[in-house]
Amino acid sequence: MRSLNLVLIATLAAFTLQAPSQDTVKVIRQSEPEKALIFELNIPAPQDEVWKAFTTSEGLSTWLTPGAVVDLRNGGEWTAHYPGGHTGGGTILSFAPQQELILSAMAPEQFPNVRSQRTMARFEFIPEGSSTLVRLTQTGWKAGDEWDKAYDYLAKGNTQLLWTLHRRFVSGPIDWQKEWGDAGKVGNK
């Protein structure tokens, strides 16, 4: 039991060291003129490297999930395939190379109405010297209990998303086998 407690304490300590903070990810909950979630995070990498990590299957697989698919074209897929058959992401509405990517974004499966109606996620990639400011603006929110719950959930979830991108450039590509064990193998459901 003592060794289990030590493992839990070590795990929690490691998570605390890696967890995003408000100092790292700026989150704005906007209600006017249009309800929106706005996130900003400075990524310690040049714009072209951040763009590749975000807009190629290979790049997205280094930080979001080993089962990432990006078809960089209007109407193309930007999807994270997670273990257990879960998906996230959306459909590419438009993009300006190295500057902007706009998705029709799917909410998580626990929000079926929001997932089917979708929101719009606009990712901007702004060079700042040797780093890149990534700004995500998520709009298209509607009224209702499920929409409010999805808004609150994604205020945290998108913070984690951007922090994981940051982690990729600070610590290197994520070793999915180490992170998830056998669940991290590509194609494993």
Protein backbone atom coordinates (compact mmCIF):
# COMPACT_ATOMS: atom_id res chain seq x y z
CA MET A 1 0.00 0.00 0.00
CA ARG A 2 2.87 2.37 0.84
CA SER A 3 4.42 1.84 -2.60
CA LEU A 4 1.05 2.50 -4.27
CA ASN A 5 0.74 5.77 -2.33
CA LEU A 6 4.24 6.78 -3.40
CA VAL A 7 3.38 6.04 -7.04
CA LEU A 8 0.20 8.13 -6.78
CA ILE A 9 2.09 11.02 -5.16
CA ALA A 10 4.81 10.86 -7.82
CA THR A 11 2.18 10.76 -10.58
CA LEU A 12 0.31 13.74 -9.14
CA ALA A 13 3.57 15.66 -8.73
CA ALA A 14 4.52 14.98 -12.35
CA PHE A 15 1.08 16.09 -13.54
CA THR A 16 1.30 19.26 -11.48
CA LEU A 17 4.63 20.11 -13.09
CA GLN A 18 3.15 19.57 -16.55
CA ALA A 19 -0.35 20.99 -16.03
CA PRO A 20 -1.15 24.23 -17.86
CA SER A 21 -1.54 27.34 -15.79
CA GLN A 22 -3.38 30.58 -16.40
CA ASP A 23 0.06 32.15 -16.81
CA THR A 24 0.72 29.81 -19.73
CA VAL A 25 -2.63 29.79 -21.56
CA LYS A 26 -4.66 32.99 -21.67
CA VAL A 27 -8.39 32.20 -21.71
CA ILE A 28 -11.07 34.78 -22.41
CA ARG A 29 -14.77 33.94 -22.01
CA GLN A 30 -16.45 36.53 -24.19
CA SER A 31 -20.18 37.17 -24.08
CA GLU A 32 -20.46 40.32 -26.24
CA PRO A 33 -20.73 41.11 -29.11
CA GLU A 34 -20.79 37.36 -29.80
CA LYS A 35 -20.32 34.52 -27.34
CA ALA A 36 -16.82 33.13 -27.85
CA LEU A 37 -13.94 31.32 -26.21
CA ILE A 38 -10.57 32.88 -26.97
CA PHE A 39 -7.28 31.20 -26.09
CA GLU A 40 -3.74 32.49 -26.58
CA LEU A 41 -0.47 30.71 -26.00
CA ASN A 42 3.06 31.51 -27.03
CA ILE A 43 4.74 28.43 -28.54
CA PRO A 44 8.56 28.39 -28.36
CA ALA A 45 9.06 27.53 -32.04
CA PRO A 46 9.10 29.32 -35.41
CA GLN A 47 5.81 29.82 -37.23
CA ASP A 48 6.60 27.28 -39.99
CA GLU A 49 7.31 24.52 -37.44
CA VAL A 50 4.12 25.22 -35.47
CA TRP A 51 2.17 25.29 -38.74
CA LYS A 52 3.54 21.85 -39.74
CA ALA A 53 2.74 20.44 -36.31
CA PHE A 54 -0.83 21.63 -36.72
CA THR A 55 -1.57 21.03 -40.40
CA THR A 56 0.02 17.69 -41.29
CA SER A 57 -0.94 14.21 -40.11
CA GLU A 58 2.66 13.57 -39.13
CA GLY A 59 2.93 16.82 -37.21
CA LEU A 60 -0.40 16.45 -35.40
CA SER A 61 0.60 12.91 -34.43
CA THR A 62 3.61 14.32 -32.52
CA TRP A 63 1.40 16.05 -29.95
CA LEU A 64 -2.34 15.34 -30.18
CA THR A 65 -2.76 11.62 -30.85
CA PRO A 66 -0.94 8.99 -32.89
CA GLY A 67 -4.13 8.57 -34.92
CA ALA A 68 -4.24 12.06 -36.42
CA VAL A 69 -5.47 12.78 -39.93
CA VAL A 70 -5.06 16.11 -41.71
CA ASP A 71 -6.18 16.64 -45.30
CA LEU A 72 -5.17 20.29 -45.72
CA ARG A 73 -7.75 21.58 -48.18
CA ASN A 74 -11.12 23.31 -47.93
CA GLY A 75 -13.54 20.54 -46.92
CA GLY A 76 -10.65 18.35 -45.74
CA GLU A 77 -10.45 16.39 -42.53
CA TRP A 78 -8.65 17.57 -39.37
CA THR A 79 -9.39 14.68 -37.04
CA ALA A 80 -7.87 13.16 -33.94
CA HIS A 81 -8.64 9.44 -33.64
CA TYR A 82 -8.24 8.42 -30.00
CA PRO A 83 -8.09 4.95 -28.44
CA GLY A 84 -11.53 3.46 -27.91
CA GLY A 85 -12.87 4.85 -31.19
CA HIS A 86 -13.37 8.43 -29.95
CA THR A 87 -12.75 11.31 -32.33
CA GLY A 88 -12.27 15.04 -32.13
CA GLY A 89 -11.44 17.81 -34.52
CA GLY A 90 -13.53 18.84 -37.47
CA THR A 91 -13.70 19.80 -41.10
CA ILE A 92 -11.39 22.41 -42.61
CA LEU A 93 -13.43 25.38 -43.81
CA SER A 94 -10.48 27.48 -44.99
CA PHE A 95 -6.81 28.19 -44.39
CA ALA A 96 -4.10 30.70 -45.22
CA PRO A 97 -0.71 28.92 -45.17
CA GLN A 98 1.24 29.53 -41.95
CA GLN A 99 -1.30 32.16 -40.85
CA GLU A 100 -4.75 30.70 -40.22
CA LEU A 101 -6.75 27.47 -40.07
CA ILE A 102 -10.55 27.56 -39.67
CA LEU A 103 -12.48 24.42 -38.72
CA SER A 104 -16.09 23.44 -38.37
CA ALA A 105 -15.36 21.91 -34.97
CA MET A 106 -16.94 18.82 -33.44
CA ALA A 107 -17.66 18.91 -29.73
CA PRO A 108 -16.93 15.76 -27.69
CA GLU A 109 -19.41 12.89 -27.98
CA GLN A 110 -21.06 13.68 -24.62
CA PHE A 111 -22.54 16.80 -26.27
CA PRO A 112 -24.38 15.23 -29.26
CA ASN A 113 -26.41 18.30 -30.29
CA VAL A 114 -23.41 20.62 -30.14
CA ARG A 115 -21.33 18.00 -31.96
CA SER A 116 -23.82 17.70 -34.81
CA GLN A 117 -24.41 21.46 -35.16
CA ARG A 118 -20.75 22.37 -34.57
CA THR A 119 -18.93 25.55 -33.65
CA MET A 120 -16.30 27.38 -35.63
CA ALA A 121 -12.68 27.23 -34.45
CA ARG A 122 -10.27 29.78 -35.91
CA PHE A 123 -6.58 29.13 -35.20
CA GLU A 124 -4.20 32.00 -35.92
CA PHE A 125 -0.40 31.59 -36.06
CA ILE A 126 1.34 34.89 -35.36
CA PRO A 127 5.17 35.08 -35.48
CA GLU A 128 6.80 36.74 -32.47
CA GLY A 129 10.55 36.62 -32.99
CA SER A 130 11.66 32.99 -32.65
CA SER A 131 8.31 31.92 -31.19
CA THR A 132 4.70 31.82 -32.39
CA LEU A 133 1.55 33.10 -30.74
CA VAL A 134 -1.29 30.65 -31.35
CA ARG A 135 -4.74 32.19 -30.91
CA LEU A 136 -7.86 30.03 -30.98
CA THR A 137 -11.20 31.80 -31.26
CA GLN A 138 -14.20 29.48 -30.98
CA THR A 139 -17.57 30.95 -31.99
CA GLY A 140 -21.01 29.76 -33.08
CA TRP A 141 -22.32 29.05 -29.57
CA LYS A 142 -26.08 28.69 -29.15
CA ALA A 143 -28.36 28.92 -26.12
CA GLY A 144 -29.28 25.90 -24.02
CA ASP A 145 -28.06 23.68 -21.21
CA GLU A 146 -26.00 21.34 -23.43
CA TRP A 147 -24.38 24.31 -25.18
CA ASP A 148 -23.51 25.90 -21.81
CA LYS A 149 -21.98 22.64 -20.57
CA ALA A 150 -19.98 22.21 -23.79
CA TYR A 151 -18.75 25.82 -23.50
CA ASP A 152 -17.50 25.20 -19.94
CA TYR A 153 -15.98 21.85 -20.90
CA LEU A 154 -14.14 23.28 -23.91
CA ALA A 155 -12.86 26.26 -21.90
CA LYS A 156 -10.78 23.66 -20.06
CA GLY A 157 -10.34 21.18 -22.93
CA ASN A 158 -8.96 23.73 -25.39
CA THR A 159 -6.61 25.03 -22.71
CA GLN A 160 -5.26 21.48 -22.46
CA LEU A 161 -5.10 21.19 -26.26
CA LEU A 162 -2.88 24.25 -26.61
CA TRP A 163 -0.79 23.35 -23.61
CA THR A 164 -0.09 19.94 -25.18
CA LEU A 165 1.11 21.71 -28.34
CA HIS A 166 3.37 23.83 -26.14
CA ARG A 167 4.65 20.72 -24.37
CA ARG A 168 5.52 19.14 -27.72
CA PHE A 169 7.90 22.01 -28.52
CA VAL A 170 9.39 22.18 -25.03
CA SER A 171 9.87 18.42 -24.47
CA GLY A 172 9.86 17.01 -28.02
CA PRO A 173 7.34 14.77 -29.79
CA ILE A 174 5.16 12.79 -27.41
CA ASP A 175 6.07 9.12 -26.97
CA TRP A 176 2.58 7.63 -27.19
CA GLN A 177 3.69 4.20 -25.99
CA LYS A 178 5.08 5.82 -22.83
CA GLU A 179 2.00 8.06 -22.38
CA TRP A 180 -0.76 5.54 -23.06
CA GLY A 181 0.88 2.10 -23.09
CA ASP A 182 -0.65 -0.27 -25.64
CA ALA A 183 -3.54 2.16 -26.17
CA GLY A 184 -0.99 4.52 -27.78
CA LYS A 185 -0.30 2.21 -30.70
CA VAL A 186 -1.64 3.57 -33.98
CA GLY A 187 -4.84 1.82 -34.97
CA ASN A 188 -5.46 0.42 -31.47
CA LYS A 189 -9.06 0.69 -30.41
